[in-house]
C-alpha atoms as a PDB file:
ATOM      1  CA  MET A   1     133.431 201.828  99.197  1.00  0.00           C
ATOM      2  CA  THR A   2     134.082 200.417  95.829  1.00  0.00           C
ATOM      3  CA  GLU A   3     130.853 198.701  94.188  1.00  0.00           C
ATOM      4  CA  ILE A   4     131.705 195.480  92.130  1.00  0.00           C
ATOM      5  CA  TRP A   5     128.829 195.019  89.898  1.00  0.00           C
ATOM      6  CA  MET A   6     129.867 191.885  87.790  1.00  0.00           C
ATOM      7  CA  ARG A   7     133.278 190.709  87.013  1.00  0.00           C
ATOM      8  CA  THR A   8     134.279 187.655  85.762  1.00  0.00           C
ATOM      9  CA  GLY A   9     137.483 185.551  85.586  1.00  0.00           C
ATOM     10  CA  GLU A  10     138.635 182.130  84.250  1.00  0.00           C
ATOM     11  CA  ALA A  11     142.296 180.302  85.060  1.00  0.00           C
ATOM     12  CA  THR A  12     143.708 176.877  84.272  1.00  0.00           C
ATOM     13  CA  VAL A  13     146.130 174.986  86.412  1.00  0.00           C
ATOM     14  CA  LEU A  14     147.647 171.378  84.972  1.00  0.00           C
ATOM     15  CA  ALA A  15     148.017 168.748  86.874  1.00  0.00           C
ATOM     16  CA  ALA A  16     151.010 166.662  87.907  1.00  0.00           C
ATOM     17  CA  GLU A  17     152.129 163.942  85.510  1.00  0.00           C
ATOM     18  CA  GLY A  18     149.996 161.187  85.423  1.00  0.00           C
ATOM     19  CA  GLN A  19     147.069 163.041  87.074  1.00  0.00           C
ATOM     20  CA  PHE A  20     143.490 164.007  85.751  1.00  0.00           C
ATOM     21  CA  THR A  21     143.608 166.813  88.434  1.00  0.00           C
ATOM     22  CA  ASP A  22     143.704 169.769  86.309  1.00  0.00           C
ATOM     23  CA  ALA A  23     141.440 172.732  87.465  1.00  0.00           C
ATOM     24  CA  MET A  24     139.876 175.074  85.381  1.00  0.00           C
ATOM     25  CA  PRO A  25     137.372 177.349  87.331  1.00  0.00           C
ATOM     26  CA  GLU A  26     135.301 180.357  85.786  1.00  0.00           C
ATOM     27  CA  VAL A  27     134.060 182.785  88.239  1.00  0.00           C
ATOM     28  CA  ALA A  28     131.479 185.407  88.430  1.00  0.00           C
ATOM     29  CA  ILE A  29     131.674 187.998  91.142  1.00  0.00           C
ATOM     30  CA  GLY A  30     129.730 190.782  92.046  1.00  0.00           C
ATOM     31  CA  SER A  31     126.976 192.727  94.165  1.00  0.00           C
ATOM     32  CA  VAL A  32     124.230 190.977  95.902  1.00  0.00           C
ATOM     33  CA  ARG A  33     121.969 193.569  94.505  1.00  0.00           C
ATOM     34  CA  GLY A  34     123.191 192.987  90.813  1.00  0.00           C
ATOM     35  CA  PRO A  35     123.183 190.524  88.177  1.00  0.00           C
ATOM     36  CA  VAL A  36     125.497 188.036  90.052  1.00  0.00           C
ATOM     37  CA  GLY A  37     123.243 188.276  93.303  1.00  0.00           C
ATOM     38  CA  THR A  38     120.358 187.504  91.175  1.00  0.00           C
ATOM     39  CA  ALA A  39     121.829 184.439  89.589  1.00  0.00           C
ATOM     40  CA  PHE A  40     123.420 183.251  92.723  1.00  0.00           C
ATOM     41  CA  ALA A  41     119.939 183.389  94.392  1.00  0.00           C
ATOM     42  CA  SER A  42     118.272 181.759  91.583  1.00  0.00           C
ATOM     43  CA  MET A  43     120.962 178.936  91.845  1.00  0.00           C
ATOM     44  CA  MET A  44     119.653 177.722  95.154  1.00  0.00           C
ATOM     45  CA  GLY A  45     118.726 174.292  94.927  1.00  0.00           C
ATOM     46  CA  GLN A  46     119.728 171.329  92.903  1.00  0.00           C
ATOM     47  CA  THR A  47     119.879 170.284  89.331  1.00  0.00           C
ATOM     48  CA  ALA A  48     119.869 166.763  88.137  1.00  0.00           C
ATOM     49  CA  GLY A  49     123.676 165.484  87.663  1.00  0.00           C
ATOM     50  CA  HIS A  50     124.885 169.037  88.698  1.00  0.00           C
ATOM     51  CA  THR A  51     125.282 169.540  92.170  1.00  0.00           C
ATOM     52  CA  ARG A  52     125.330 173.002  93.544  1.00  0.00           C
ATOM     53  CA  MET A  53     126.735 173.729  97.247  1.00  0.00           C
ATOM     54  CA  PHE A  54     127.783 176.610  99.144  1.00  0.00           C
ATOM     55  CA  VAL A  55     131.644 176.862  99.468  1.00  0.00           C
ATOM     56  CA  ILE A  56     132.584 176.064 103.079  1.00  0.00           C
ATOM     57  CA  ARG A  57     136.057 175.480 104.569  1.00  0.00           C
ATOM     58  CA  ASP A  58     134.545 173.013 106.898  1.00  0.00           C
ATOM     59  CA  ILE A  59     131.565 172.537 108.921  1.00  0.00           C
ATOM     60  CA  ASN A  60     130.143 176.019 110.064  1.00  0.00           C
ATOM     61  CA  GLN A  61     132.663 177.945 108.143  1.00  0.00           C
ATOM     62  CA  LEU A  62     131.109 179.494 105.248  1.00  0.00           C
ATOM     63  CA  VAL A  63     133.463 181.681 103.066  1.00  0.00           C
ATOM     64  CA  LYS A  64     132.749 185.280 102.418  1.00  0.00           C
ATOM     65  CA  PRO A  65     131.896 186.646  99.929  1.00  0.00           C
ATOM     66  CA  ALA A  66     128.997 184.060 100.056  1.00  0.00           C
ATOM     67  CA  THR A  67     130.213 181.467  97.093  1.00  0.00           C
ATOM     68  CA  ILE A  68     128.221 178.872  95.289  1.00  0.00           C
ATOM     69  CA  MET A  69     130.150 176.109  93.470  1.00  0.00           C
ATOM     70  CA  THR A  70     128.764 174.180  90.693  1.00  0.00           C
ATOM     71  CA  THR A  71     130.087 171.510  88.288  1.00  0.00           C
ATOM     72  CA  LYS A  72     131.122 171.840  84.480  1.00  0.00           C
ATOM     73  CA  ALA A  73     130.773 167.774  83.887  1.00  0.00           C
ATOM     74  CA  THR A  74     127.635 165.917  85.028  1.00  0.00           C
ATOM     75  CA  ILE A  75     128.062 163.671  87.985  1.00  0.00           C
ATOM     76  CA  HIS A  76     127.408 160.108  87.942  1.00  0.00           C
ATOM     77  CA  ASP A  77     128.425 158.817  91.179  1.00  0.00           C
ATOM     78  CA  LEU A  78     128.757 159.329  94.867  1.00  0.00           C
ATOM     79  CA  ALA A  79     132.772 159.124  94.631  1.00  0.00           C
ATOM     80  CA  TYR A  80     132.649 162.105  92.442  1.00  0.00           C
ATOM     81  CA  VAL A  81     130.355 164.111  94.682  1.00  0.00           C
ATOM     82  CA  ASN A  82     132.746 163.186  97.725  1.00  0.00           C
ATOM     83  CA  LEU A  83     135.729 164.912  95.866  1.00  0.00           C
ATOM     84  CA  LEU A  84     133.686 167.742  94.806  1.00  0.00           C
ATOM     85  CA  GLY A  85     132.434 168.309  98.337  1.00  0.00           C
ATOM     86  CA  GLY A  86     135.649 167.382 100.098  1.00  0.00           C
ATOM     87  CA  VAL A  87     138.979 168.166  98.662  1.00  0.00           C
ATOM     88  CA  VAL A  88     137.947 170.658  95.920  1.00  0.00           C
ATOM     89  CA  GLN A  89     135.599 172.512  98.248  1.00  0.00           C
ATOM     90  CA  ALA A  90     138.254 172.803 100.841  1.00  0.00           C
ATOM     91  CA  ALA A  91     140.727 174.194  98.293  1.00  0.00           C
ATOM     92  CA  THR A  92     138.268 176.513  96.750  1.00  0.00           C
ATOM     93  CA  GLY A  93     137.323 177.766 100.435  1.00  0.00           C
ATOM     94  CA  ASP A  94     140.854 178.266 101.287  1.00  0.00           C
ATOM     95  CA  ALA A  95     141.533 180.060  98.270  1.00  0.00           C
ATOM     96  CA  ILE A  96     138.974 182.575  99.045  1.00  0.00           C
ATOM     97  CA  VAL A  97     139.881 183.404 102.422  1.00  0.00           C
ATOM     98  CA  ASP A  98     143.559 183.737 101.049  1.00  0.00           C
ATOM     99  CA  CYS A  99     142.170 186.008  98.669  1.00  0.00           C
ATOM    100  CA  LEU A 100     140.771 188.191 101.394  1.00  0.00           C
ATOM    101  CA  ILE A 101     143.946 188.095 103.453  1.00  0.00           C
ATOM    102  CA  GLU A 102     145.891 188.870 100.522  1.00  0.00           C
ATOM    103  CA  GLY A 103     143.904 192.123  99.714  1.00  0.00           C
ATOM    104  CA  ILE A 104     142.752 190.748  96.336  1.00  0.00           C
ATOM    105  CA  ILE A 105     139.200 190.617  97.328  1.00  0.00           C
ATOM    106  CA  PRO A 106     138.226 193.938  99.266  1.00  0.00           C
ATOM    107  CA  ARG A 107     137.392 192.969 102.785  1.00  0.00           C
ATOM    108  CA  ASP A 108     135.420 196.131 103.142  1.00  0.00           C
ATOM    109  CA  ILE A 109     132.906 194.942 100.631  1.00  0.00           C
ATOM    110  CA  ALA A 110     133.078 191.214 101.057  1.00  0.00           C
ATOM    111  CA  ASP A 111     129.579 190.919 102.873  1.00  0.00           C
ATOM    112  CA  ASP A 112     128.081 192.789  99.979  1.00  0.00           C
ATOM    113  CA  LEU A 113     129.605 190.500  97.143  1.00  0.00           C
ATOM    114  CA  CYS A 114     128.461 187.013  96.111  1.00  0.00           C
ATOM    115  CA  MET A 115     130.494 184.499  93.668  1.00  0.00           C
ATOM    116  CA  ILE A 116     129.626 181.645  91.504  1.00  0.00           C
ATOM    117  CA  ILE A 117     132.173 179.364  90.659  1.00  0.00           C
ATOM    118  CA  MET A 118     132.012 176.606  87.871  1.00  0.00           C
ATOM    119  CA  ILE A 119     134.387 173.788  88.914  1.00  0.00           C
ATOM    120  CA  TRP A 120     136.107 171.358  86.203  1.00  0.00           C
ATOM    121  CA  LEU A 121     136.741 168.097  87.852  1.00  0.00           C
ATOM    122  CA  ASP A 122     137.312 165.398  85.489  1.00  0.00           C
ATOM    123  CA  PRO A 123     135.291 162.348  85.873  1.00  0.00           C
ATOM    124  CA  ARG A 124     138.228 160.132  85.766  1.00  0.00           C
ATOM    125  CA  CYS A 125     139.137 161.336  89.141  1.00  0.00           C
ATOM    126  CA  ALA A 126     136.580 159.244  90.760  1.00  0.00           C
ATOM    127  CA  THR A 127     137.947 155.984  89.577  1.00  0.00           C
ATOM    128  CA  ASP A 128     141.514 156.752  89.588  1.00  0.00           C
ATOM    129  CA  GLU A 129     143.388 154.458  92.002  1.00  0.00           C
ATOM    130  CA  ASN A 130     146.362 156.424  92.094  1.00  0.00           C
ATOM    131  CA  LEU A 131     144.472 160.020  92.625  1.00  0.00           C
ATOM    132  CA  ASP A 132     146.872 162.274  94.303  1.00  0.00           C
ATOM    133  CA  LYS A 133     144.618 164.355  96.285  1.00  0.00           C
ATOM    134  CA  LYS A 134     147.298 166.699  97.133  1.00  0.00           C
ATOM    135  CA  ASP A 135     147.477 167.493  93.495  1.00  0.00           C
ATOM    136  CA  LEU A 136     143.764 167.766  93.196  1.00  0.00           C
ATOM    137  CA  TYR A 137     144.193 170.495  96.035  1.00  0.00           C
ATOM    138  CA  ARG A 138     146.865 172.354  94.810  1.00  0.00           C
ATOM    139  CA  CYS A 139     145.259 172.589  91.049  1.00  0.00           C
ATOM    140  CA  ASN A 140     142.011 173.908  92.514  1.00  0.00           C
ATOM    141  CA  TYR A 141     143.417 176.238  95.165  1.00  0.00           C
ATOM    142  CA  GLU A 142     145.930 178.027  92.931  1.00  0.00           C
ATOM    143  CA  ALA A 143     143.337 178.446  89.756  1.00  0.00           C
ATOM    144  CA  THR A 144     140.612 179.722  91.918  1.00  0.00           C
ATOM    145  CA  LYS A 145     142.785 182.362  93.407  1.00  0.00           C
ATOM    146  CA  ILE A 146     144.068 183.289  89.656  1.00  0.00           C
ATOM    147  CA  ALA A 147     140.763 183.233  88.721  1.00  0.00           C
ATOM    148  CA  ILE A 148     139.562 185.536  91.187  1.00  0.00           C
ATOM    149  CA  GLY A 149     142.305 187.841  91.015  1.00  0.00           C
ATOM    150  CA  ARG A 150     141.640 187.983  87.083  1.00  0.00           C
ATOM    151  CA  ALA A 151     137.791 188.969  87.948  1.00  0.00           C
ATOM    152  CA  ILE A 152     138.546 191.602  90.200  1.00  0.00           C
ATOM    153  CA  LYS A 153     141.309 193.217  87.906  1.00  0.00           C
ATOM    154  CA  GLY A 154     139.141 192.910  84.863  1.00  0.00           C
ATOM    155  CA  GLU A 155     141.996 190.632  83.209  1.00  0.00           C
ATOM    156  CA  PRO A 156     142.478 190.039  80.494  1.00  0.00           C
ATOM    157  CA  THR A 157     142.083 193.611  79.374  1.00  0.00           C
ATOM    158  CA  ILE A 158     141.006 194.517  76.104  1.00  0.00           C
ATOM    159  CA  GLU A 159     144.688 195.743  75.231  1.00  0.00           C
ATOM    160  CA  GLN A 160     145.955 192.522  76.299  1.00  0.00           C
ATOM    161  CA  LEU A 161     143.635 190.432  74.040  1.00  0.00           C
ATOM    162  CA  ILE A 162     144.344 192.693  70.952  1.00  0.00           C
ATOM    163  CA  GLU A 163     148.067 192.629  71.577  1.00  0.00           C
ATOM    164  CA  ASN A 164     147.952 188.605  72.079  1.00  0.00           C
ATOM    165  CA  ARG A 165     145.262 188.055  69.015  1.00  0.00           C
ATOM    166  CA  LYS A 166     148.064 186.699  66.853  1.00  0.00           C
ATOM    167  CA  SER A 167     150.239 184.911  69.299  1.00  0.00           C
ATOM    168  CA  VAL A 168     147.658 182.988  71.844  1.00  0.00           C
ATOM    169  CA  LYS A 169     145.214 180.576  70.028  1.00  0.00           C
ATOM    170  CA  HIS A 170     143.115 177.876  71.768  1.00  0.00           C
ATOM    171  CA  TYR A 171     144.743 174.616  72.452  1.00  0.00           C
ATOM    172  CA  ALA A 172     142.441 172.664  70.279  1.00  0.00           C
ATOM    173  CA  LEU A 173     143.385 174.799  67.680  1.00  0.00           C
ATOM    174  CA  SER A 174     146.999 173.321  67.642  1.00  0.00           C
ATOM    175  CA  GLY A 175     148.177 171.924  64.081  1.00  0.00           C
ATOM    176  CA  ILE A 176     144.732 173.143  62.821  1.00  0.00           C
ATOM    177  CA  ILE A 177     145.131 177.157  62.157  1.00  0.00           C
ATOM    178  CA  ASP A 178     148.223 178.905  61.817  1.00  0.00           C
ATOM    179  CA  TYR A 179     148.314 182.662  62.586  1.00  0.00           C
END
């Protein structure tokens, strides 16, 4: 059995035109006996404005590895909570189960792992009259699978980071810094 002490991953999947449904999950995965397990247990309970919940696929369907999701943005209303605990949670749960099915997460150690996933849900989604929930699901599903895969594979590698140092820059630096 391979032990995963702590791995991290992230991904961004962009929304369809005119939507605020970009997904940018950040994942920490590791042994329940290691630092991720300690952080996981420490996150039980709530913090004002940052809802924490187990990832479930539906009632009585907690995913494996056990996963807590929390928000990167402060929650201000019930509509946001309903999207987070509805479409986003479902997409996240489905992605985790599909990672098991596809062998991205090793099945033989799934019960010995836990994950923390920080979720980006644009606050504008809660008030957008034209919100496309299918796109919200798609973005979160795809980004979660990519982030978990990157965590398990240790990507980007140090070699990839060094190789791309001059060709990849943070989007916020566009037009500010030239390499």
